Structures are given as C-alpha cells and as structure tokens.
Amino acid sequence: MNRNLIFRELRAHAPYTALGSLAGIALLLGLLRAGLPAATSARLFGILHPLHVLLSAQATIATFRRAGGAGFWRILAIGYLGGVGIGTLSDCLIPYLGEWMLGLPNPGFHLGFIEEWWLVNPLAFLGIALGAWSVKTRVPHSLHVLISTGASLFHVAMALGGMPSVAVLAGIAVFLFLSVWLPCCTSDIVFPLLFAPNKDAVVGCCGHHH
C-alpha cells in the first residue's frame, strides 16, 4: 500500500476535522447553557451513530470495489468490520477513553451494534449494499465529518454532569479530533485497501477520487 497516500490523506483531512471539533465544542457549550438533558444527548447519539455506521460501511466498500475488490462474503465482512467495527471505535470507544481520562462524572460504555442492534446492523448492511451498487459515493465529506463529530460529541455530552472547565473542554476537543480523524481515514482508505488487489489505488477519504 502506498504510505504516502495514507499520510497525504491524514494531513489533508486534519484541518477539516479540527474545524469540526471546534464547531462541536461551540455547539456543546451552547447546548449546556441551554440546559441540555442527558436523555436528549442519548437520543441524538442514537440517531447519529447508526447514520455514521451506514456512511462508513458505504465508503469502505466503495473504496474496496474501486480498488478491484470483489466477492460476496468478502464485501460483507469487510463492509461490516469497516462500518460497525471502526464506527464503534470512532463514536463509542475513543470518546469513552476520553471521558475516563478526563475524569468526567458519568462515563458510559456504549456499543451501538448491541444496544441498538435492530437499527445499527441493518443500516450497516444497507451501507454495504450502497457501496457495492455504486463505487461513487455521493455523500459530501463535510457531512460525513459532521455526523461522526456529532455522534462522538453526544457520547461525551452524556458523561457530563454540568459545565466543564476550560481544561476539560480542551481535552474533549482533542478526543473529538482523534475520534473522527484517525478512524475515518482508517475505515475509508487503509482498511479496505488491505484486502483489495490494487493496493495503490488512489482514492480519497470517505470515498472521493483524486
């Protein structure tokens, strides 16, 4: 696999992800000042996480197919691991690690594909089908980043017991960045190309051609 492609994509998408993280912090502050209940954060997470899984599965399989990948069971397995596995890392595991390290009062360990199995898993399979049907993804990268950031943000919001300090806010911003930046480019570039015949296929993060 072309390492330069990976580093180029990570570098190119860092500014977008950083901007999304800052926007997420601004949104969080506004919602906290408005008295956002934890139950509302949970509902929003329950909407955004399944959507993110769908988009990730679609982009993973679109990249895999563009790079010459084929085979029903391979597409199913790679799409599911790329969508659900890395989507869970992005929206659930990295935010939980941040909540624990920052000492937030109500850290929560959530696994969407188990807790909302009836929603997350069918949407993952829908994303796989869409990626297999058309190798050209039509979802703007900015929307993918927004949904991913929102899912991670509301996971963290569920763990807050009130207005956090400036230091904690800075820590949340760092974990928001990491939860979107690394998993996005991993699921949409590195992971599918590990199994594709044409490992030097030049594709961009979230399924864009370059």
C-alpha atoms as a PDB file:
ATOM      1  CA  MET A   1       0.000   0.000   0.000  1.00  0.00           C
ATOM      2  CA  ASN A   2       1.148   3.495  -0.776  1.00  0.00           C
ATOM      3  CA  ARG A   3       2.164   5.005   2.570  1.00  0.00           C
ATOM      4  CA  ASN A   4       2.408   8.440   1.021  1.00  0.00           C
ATOM      5  CA  LEU A   5      -1.304   8.194   0.180  1.00  0.00           C
ATOM      6  CA  ILE A   6      -2.175   7.468   3.808  1.00  0.00           C
ATOM      7  CA  PHE A   7      -0.096  10.323   5.185  1.00  0.00           C
ATOM      8  CA  ARG A   8      -1.360  12.676   2.491  1.00  0.00           C
ATOM      9  CA  GLU A   9      -4.968  11.883   3.318  1.00  0.00           C
ATOM     10  CA  LEU A  10      -4.423  12.221   7.064  1.00  0.00           C
ATOM     11  CA  ARG A  11      -2.705  15.568   6.539  1.00  0.00           C
ATOM     12  CA  ALA A  12      -5.326  16.812   4.084  1.00  0.00           C
ATOM     13  CA  HIS A  13      -8.243  15.980   6.356  1.00  0.00           C
ATOM     14  CA  ALA A  14      -6.722  17.234   9.605  1.00  0.00           C
ATOM     15  CA  PRO A  15      -7.896  20.866   9.054  1.00  0.00           C
ATOM     16  CA  TYR A  16     -11.468  19.787   8.273  1.00  0.00           C
ATOM     17  CA  THR A  17     -11.561  17.570  11.323  1.00  0.00           C
ATOM     18  CA  ALA A  18     -10.057  20.259  13.574  1.00  0.00           C
ATOM     19  CA  LEU A  19     -12.660  22.744  12.373  1.00  0.00           C
ATOM     20  CA  GLY A  20     -15.397  20.187  13.011  1.00  0.00           C
ATOM     21  CA  SER A  21     -14.084  19.592  16.533  1.00  0.00           C
ATOM     22  CA  LEU A  22     -14.081  23.313  17.334  1.00  0.00           C
ATOM     23  CA  ALA A  23     -17.608  23.631  15.947  1.00  0.00           C
ATOM     24  CA  GLY A  24     -18.593  20.671  18.110  1.00  0.00           C
ATOM     25  CA  ILE A  25     -17.205  22.346  21.240  1.00  0.00           C
ATOM     26  CA  ALA A  26     -19.078  25.558  20.408  1.00  0.00           C
ATOM     27  CA  LEU A  27     -22.293  23.554  19.938  1.00  0.00           C
ATOM     28  CA  LEU A  28     -21.705  21.704  23.203  1.00  0.00           C
ATOM     29  CA  LEU A  29     -21.248  24.956  25.118  1.00  0.00           C
ATOM     30  CA  GLY A  30     -24.443  26.362  23.655  1.00  0.00           C
ATOM     31  CA  LEU A  31     -26.428  23.232  24.467  1.00  0.00           C
ATOM     32  CA  LEU A  32     -25.074  23.059  28.015  1.00  0.00           C
ATOM     33  CA  ARG A  33     -26.001  26.689  28.623  1.00  0.00           C
ATOM     34  CA  ALA A  34     -29.488  25.857  27.345  1.00  0.00           C
ATOM     35  CA  GLY A  35     -29.689  23.016  29.884  1.00  0.00           C
ATOM     36  CA  LEU A  36     -29.342  20.029  27.555  1.00  0.00           C
ATOM     37  CA  PRO A  37     -30.679  16.923  29.365  1.00  0.00           C
ATOM     38  CA  ALA A  38     -28.601  13.739  29.257  1.00  0.00           C
ATOM     39  CA  ALA A  39     -31.629  11.926  27.794  1.00  0.00           C
ATOM     40  CA  THR A  40     -31.583  14.272  24.783  1.00  0.00           C
ATOM     41  CA  SER A  41     -27.879  13.616  24.255  1.00  0.00           C
ATOM     42  CA  ALA A  42     -28.605   9.892  24.353  1.00  0.00           C
ATOM     43  CA  ARG A  43     -31.370  10.241  21.747  1.00  0.00           C
ATOM     44  CA  LEU A  44     -29.160  12.297  19.432  1.00  0.00           C
ATOM     45  CA  PHE A  45     -26.322   9.804  19.800  1.00  0.00           C
ATOM     46  CA  GLY A  46     -28.814   7.043  18.998  1.00  0.00           C
ATOM     47  CA  ILE A  47     -29.613   8.787  15.710  1.00  0.00           C
ATOM     48  CA  LEU A  48     -26.152   9.945  14.600  1.00  0.00           C
ATOM     49  CA  HIS A  49     -24.189   6.799  15.412  1.00  0.00           C
ATOM     50  CA  PRO A  50     -26.277   4.497  13.155  1.00  0.00           C
ATOM     51  CA  LEU A  51     -26.078   7.083  10.354  1.00  0.00           C
ATOM     52  CA  HIS A  52     -22.304   7.195  10.737  1.00  0.00           C
ATOM     53  CA  VAL A  53     -22.112   3.394  10.551  1.00  0.00           C
ATOM     54  CA  LEU A  54     -24.108   3.473   7.299  1.00  0.00           C
ATOM     55  CA  LEU A  55     -21.814   6.093   5.740  1.00  0.00           C
ATOM     56  CA  SER A  56     -18.662   4.307   6.890  1.00  0.00           C
ATOM     57  CA  ALA A  57     -19.806   0.944   5.531  1.00  0.00           C
ATOM     58  CA  GLN A  58     -20.714   2.551   2.202  1.00  0.00           C
ATOM     59  CA  ALA A  59     -17.389   4.389   1.881  1.00  0.00           C
ATOM     60  CA  THR A  60     -15.381   1.317   2.918  1.00  0.00           C
ATOM     61  CA  ILE A  61     -16.974  -0.889   0.275  1.00  0.00           C
ATOM     62  CA  ALA A  62     -16.862   1.821  -2.393  1.00  0.00           C
ATOM     63  CA  THR A  63     -13.093   2.084  -1.833  1.00  0.00           C
ATOM     64  CA  PHE A  64     -12.710  -1.711  -1.798  1.00  0.00           C
ATOM     65  CA  ARG A  65     -14.652  -2.095  -5.057  1.00  0.00           C
ATOM     66  CA  ARG A  66     -12.798   0.760  -6.776  1.00  0.00           C
ATOM     67  CA  ALA A  67      -9.535  -0.956  -5.890  1.00  0.00           C
ATOM     68  CA  GLY A  68     -10.644  -4.167  -7.595  1.00  0.00           C
ATOM     69  CA  GLY A  69     -12.116  -5.943  -4.579  1.00  0.00           C
ATOM     70  CA  ALA A  70     -14.878  -8.492  -5.173  1.00  0.00           C
ATOM     71  CA  GLY A  71     -16.637 -11.477  -3.644  1.00  0.00           C
ATOM     72  CA  PHE A  72     -19.954 -11.502  -1.772  1.00  0.00           C
ATOM     73  CA  TRP A  73     -18.639 -12.728   1.578  1.00  0.00           C
ATOM     74  CA  ARG A  74     -15.509 -10.570   1.420  1.00  0.00           C
ATOM     75  CA  ILE A  75     -17.615  -7.484   0.709  1.00  0.00           C
ATOM     76  CA  LEU A  76     -19.985  -8.377   3.550  1.00  0.00           C
ATOM     77  CA  ALA A  77     -17.190  -8.991   6.088  1.00  0.00           C
ATOM     78  CA  ILE A  78     -15.036  -6.005   5.121  1.00  0.00           C
ATOM     79  CA  GLY A  79     -18.043  -3.674   4.964  1.00  0.00           C
ATOM     80  CA  TYR A  80     -19.323  -4.794   8.351  1.00  0.00           C
ATOM     81  CA  LEU A  81     -15.949  -4.513  10.081  1.00  0.00           C
ATOM     82  CA  GLY A  82     -15.249  -1.177   8.408  1.00  0.00           C
ATOM     83  CA  GLY A  83     -18.679   0.246   9.193  1.00  0.00           C
ATOM     84  CA  VAL A  84     -19.548  -1.238  12.571  1.00  0.00           C
ATOM     85  CA  GLY A  85     -16.076  -2.000  13.933  1.00  0.00           C
ATOM     86  CA  ILE A  86     -14.370   1.264  13.125  1.00  0.00           C
ATOM     87  CA  GLY A  87     -17.616   3.235  13.569  1.00  0.00           C
ATOM     88  CA  THR A  88     -17.793   1.863  17.120  1.00  0.00           C
ATOM     89  CA  LEU A  89     -14.164   2.831  17.713  1.00  0.00           C
ATOM     90  CA  SER A  90     -14.885   6.351  16.484  1.00  0.00           C
ATOM     91  CA  ASP A  91     -18.226   7.042  18.163  1.00  0.00           C
ATOM     92  CA  CYS A  92     -18.032   4.897  21.309  1.00  0.00           C
ATOM     93  CA  LEU A  93     -14.603   3.641  22.342  1.00  0.00           C
ATOM     94  CA  ILE A  94     -12.397   6.708  21.796  1.00  0.00           C
ATOM     95  CA  PRO A  95     -14.998   9.045  23.398  1.00  0.00           C
ATOM     96  CA  TYR A  96     -15.279   6.653  26.357  1.00  0.00           C
ATOM     97  CA  LEU A  97     -11.491   6.651  26.725  1.00  0.00           C
ATOM     98  CA  GLY A  98     -11.594  10.453  26.734  1.00  0.00           C
ATOM     99  CA  GLU A  99     -14.381  10.510  29.343  1.00  0.00           C
ATOM    100  CA  TRP A 100     -12.381   8.181  31.568  1.00  0.00           C
ATOM    101  CA  MET A 101      -9.068  10.018  31.156  1.00  0.00           C
ATOM    102  CA  LEU A 102     -10.676  13.427  31.709  1.00  0.00           C
ATOM    103  CA  GLY A 103     -12.473  12.198  34.816  1.00  0.00           C
ATOM    104  CA  LEU A 104     -15.970  13.074  33.631  1.00  0.00           C
ATOM    105  CA  PRO A 105     -18.654  12.272  36.224  1.00  0.00           C
ATOM    106  CA  ASN A 106     -20.774   9.855  34.172  1.00  0.00           C
ATOM    107  CA  PRO A 107     -18.572   7.975  31.672  1.00  0.00           C
ATOM    108  CA  GLY A 108     -20.569   5.474  29.650  1.00  0.00           C
ATOM    109  CA  PHE A 109     -19.513   2.385  27.743  1.00  0.00           C
ATOM    110  CA  HIS A 110     -21.940   2.064  24.829  1.00  0.00           C
ATOM    111  CA  LEU A 111     -21.899  -0.449  21.986  1.00  0.00           C
ATOM    112  CA  GLY A 112     -24.456   0.618  19.415  1.00  0.00           C
ATOM    113  CA  PHE A 113     -24.400  -2.610  17.395  1.00  0.00           C
ATOM    114  CA  ILE A 114     -25.532  -4.465  20.554  1.00  0.00           C
ATOM    115  CA  GLU A 115     -27.686  -1.870  22.316  1.00  0.00           C
ATOM    116  CA  GLU A 116     -29.404  -0.801  19.096  1.00  0.00           C
ATOM    117  CA  TRP A 117     -28.759  -3.999  17.140  1.00  0.00           C
ATOM    118  CA  TRP A 118     -32.111  -3.696  15.362  1.00  0.00           C
ATOM    119  CA  LEU A 119     -31.057  -0.340  13.847  1.00  0.00           C
ATOM    120  CA  VAL A 120     -27.253  -0.243  13.604  1.00  0.00           C
ATOM    121  CA  ASN A 121     -26.767  -3.628  11.942  1.00  0.00           C
ATOM    122  CA  PRO A 122     -29.423  -3.220   9.203  1.00  0.00           C
ATOM    123  CA  LEU A 123     -28.032   0.236   8.376  1.00  0.00           C
ATOM    124  CA  ALA A 124     -24.537  -1.261   8.135  1.00  0.00           C
ATOM    125  CA  PHE A 125     -25.823  -3.808   5.607  1.00  0.00           C
ATOM    126  CA  LEU A 126     -27.632  -1.036   3.725  1.00  0.00           C
ATOM    127  CA  GLY A 127     -24.355   0.895   3.551  1.00  0.00           C
ATOM    128  CA  ILE A 128     -22.576  -2.209   2.243  1.00  0.00           C
ATOM    129  CA  ALA A 129     -25.240  -2.645  -0.442  1.00  0.00           C
ATOM    130  CA  LEU A 130     -24.982   1.016  -1.482  1.00  0.00           C
ATOM    131  CA  GLY A 131     -21.176   0.808  -1.692  1.00  0.00           C
ATOM    132  CA  ALA A 132     -21.366  -2.374  -3.761  1.00  0.00           C
ATOM    133  CA  TRP A 133     -24.041  -0.907  -6.043  1.00  0.00           C
ATOM    134  CA  SER A 134     -22.123   2.277  -6.831  1.00  0.00           C
ATOM    135  CA  VAL A 135     -18.418   2.859  -6.252  1.00  0.00           C
ATOM    136  CA  LYS A 136     -19.029   6.611  -6.411  1.00  0.00           C
ATOM    137  CA  THR A 137     -20.163   7.905  -3.042  1.00  0.00           C
ATOM    138  CA  ARG A 138     -22.336  10.967  -3.255  1.00  0.00           C
ATOM    139  CA  VAL A 139     -22.165  11.989   0.375  1.00  0.00           C
ATOM    140  CA  PRO A 140     -20.065  15.146   0.880  1.00  0.00           C
ATOM    141  CA  HIS A 141     -17.072  14.566   3.127  1.00  0.00           C
ATOM    142  CA  SER A 142     -18.102  17.545   5.267  1.00  0.00           C
ATOM    143  CA  LEU A 143     -21.425  15.808   6.070  1.00  0.00           C
ATOM    144  CA  HIS A 144     -19.609  12.586   6.982  1.00  0.00           C
ATOM    145  CA  VAL A 145     -17.305  14.518   9.342  1.00  0.00           C
ATOM    146  CA  LEU A 146     -20.267  16.402  10.820  1.00  0.00           C
ATOM    147  CA  ILE A 147     -22.217  13.228  11.590  1.00  0.00           C
ATOM    148  CA  SER A 148     -19.157  11.480  13.021  1.00  0.00           C
ATOM    149  CA  THR A 149     -18.288  14.513  15.167  1.00  0.00           C
ATOM    150  CA  GLY A 150     -21.885  14.782  16.363  1.00  0.00           C
ATOM    151  CA  ALA A 151     -22.031  11.128  17.402  1.00  0.00           C
ATOM    152  CA  SER A 152     -18.783  11.419  19.396  1.00  0.00           C
ATOM    153  CA  LEU A 153     -19.865  14.764  20.852  1.00  0.00           C
ATOM    154  CA  PHE A 154     -23.182  13.500  22.202  1.00  0.00           C
ATOM    155  CA  HIS A 155     -21.482  10.404  23.610  1.00  0.00           C
ATOM    156  CA  VAL A 156     -19.284  12.756  25.642  1.00  0.00           C
ATOM    157  CA  ALA A 157     -22.251  15.012  26.484  1.00  0.00           C
ATOM    158  CA  MET A 158     -23.960  12.049  28.174  1.00  0.00           C
ATOM    159  CA  ALA A 159     -20.964  11.814  30.537  1.00  0.00           C
ATOM    160  CA  LEU A 160     -21.012  15.464  31.617  1.00  0.00           C
ATOM    161  CA  GLY A 161     -22.557  16.480  34.921  1.00  0.00           C
ATOM    162  CA  GLY A 162     -22.575  20.195  34.173  1.00  0.00           C
ATOM    163  CA  MET A 163     -20.427  22.886  32.573  1.00  0.00           C
ATOM    164  CA  PRO A 164     -16.846  21.554  32.241  1.00  0.00           C
ATOM    165  CA  SER A 165     -13.726  23.594  32.938  1.00  0.00           C
ATOM    166  CA  VAL A 166     -11.658  25.143  30.156  1.00  0.00           C
ATOM    167  CA  ALA A 167      -9.019  22.429  30.583  1.00  0.00           C
ATOM    168  CA  VAL A 168     -11.623  19.669  30.273  1.00  0.00           C
ATOM    169  CA  LEU A 169     -13.131  21.377  27.219  1.00  0.00           C
ATOM    170  CA  ALA A 170      -9.684  21.423  25.606  1.00  0.00           C
ATOM    171  CA  GLY A 171      -9.322  17.722  26.374  1.00  0.00           C
ATOM    172  CA  ILE A 172     -12.755  17.000  24.868  1.00  0.00           C
ATOM    173  CA  ALA A 173     -11.728  18.881  21.706  1.00  0.00           C
ATOM    174  CA  VAL A 174      -8.599  16.691  21.390  1.00  0.00           C
ATOM    175  CA  PHE A 175     -10.586  13.462  21.765  1.00  0.00           C
ATOM    176  CA  LEU A 176     -13.238  14.689  19.339  1.00  0.00           C
ATOM    177  CA  PHE A 177     -10.490  15.306  16.784  1.00  0.00           C
ATOM    178  CA  LEU A 178      -8.923  11.875  17.297  1.00  0.00           C
ATOM    179  CA  SER A 179     -12.272  10.062  17.250  1.00  0.00           C
ATOM    180  CA  VAL A 180     -13.057  11.429  13.784  1.00  0.00           C
ATOM    181  CA  TRP A 181      -9.674  11.881  12.099  1.00  0.00           C
ATOM    182  CA  LEU A 182      -7.946   8.508  12.540  1.00  0.00           C
ATOM    183  CA  PRO A 183     -10.975   6.180  12.235  1.00  0.00           C
ATOM    184  CA  CYS A 184     -12.320   7.992   9.151  1.00  0.00           C
ATOM    185  CA  CYS A 185      -9.163   7.563   7.134  1.00  0.00           C
ATOM    186  CA  THR A 186      -8.608   4.076   8.541  1.00  0.00           C
ATOM    187  CA  SER A 187     -12.042   2.754   7.603  1.00  0.00           C
ATOM    188  CA  ASP A 188     -12.263   4.548   4.274  1.00  0.00           C
ATOM    189  CA  ILE A 189      -8.702   4.092   2.976  1.00  0.00           C
ATOM    190  CA  VAL A 190      -6.331   1.850   4.913  1.00  0.00           C
ATOM    191  CA  PHE A 191      -8.692  -0.941   5.971  1.00  0.00           C
ATOM    192  CA  PRO A 192     -10.367  -1.719   2.613  1.00  0.00           C
ATOM    193  CA  LEU A 193      -7.076  -1.438   0.699  1.00  0.00           C
ATOM    194  CA  LEU A 194      -5.507  -4.076   2.942  1.00  0.00           C
ATOM    195  CA  PHE A 195      -7.753  -6.636   1.220  1.00  0.00           C
ATOM    196  CA  ALA A 196      -8.012  -5.160  -2.283  1.00  0.00           C
ATOM    197  CA  PRO A 197      -5.958  -6.382  -5.289  1.00  0.00           C
ATOM    198  CA  ASN A 198      -4.958  -2.875  -6.366  1.00  0.00           C
ATOM    199  CA  LYS A 199      -3.414  -1.603  -3.139  1.00  0.00           C
ATOM    200  CA  ASP A 200      -2.045   1.532  -4.790  1.00  0.00           C
ATOM    201  CA  ALA A 201      -5.477   2.713  -5.896  1.00  0.00           C
ATOM    202  CA  VAL A 202      -5.580   6.467  -5.460  1.00  0.00           C
ATOM    203  CA  VAL A 203      -8.738   7.225  -3.557  1.00  0.00           C
ATOM    204  CA  GLY A 204      -9.555   9.846  -1.030  1.00  0.00           C
ATOM    205  CA  CYS A 205     -11.022   9.695   2.415  1.00  0.00           C
ATOM    206  CA  CYS A 206     -14.717   8.860   2.541  1.00  0.00           C
ATOM    207  CA  GLY A 207     -14.671   7.564  -0.987  1.00  0.00           C
ATOM    208  CA  HIS A 208     -13.501  10.555  -3.027  1.00  0.00           C
ATOM    209  CA  HIS A 209     -11.336  10.211  -6.132  1.00  0.00           C
ATOM    210  CA  HIS A 210      -8.153  12.244  -6.502  1.00  0.00           C
END
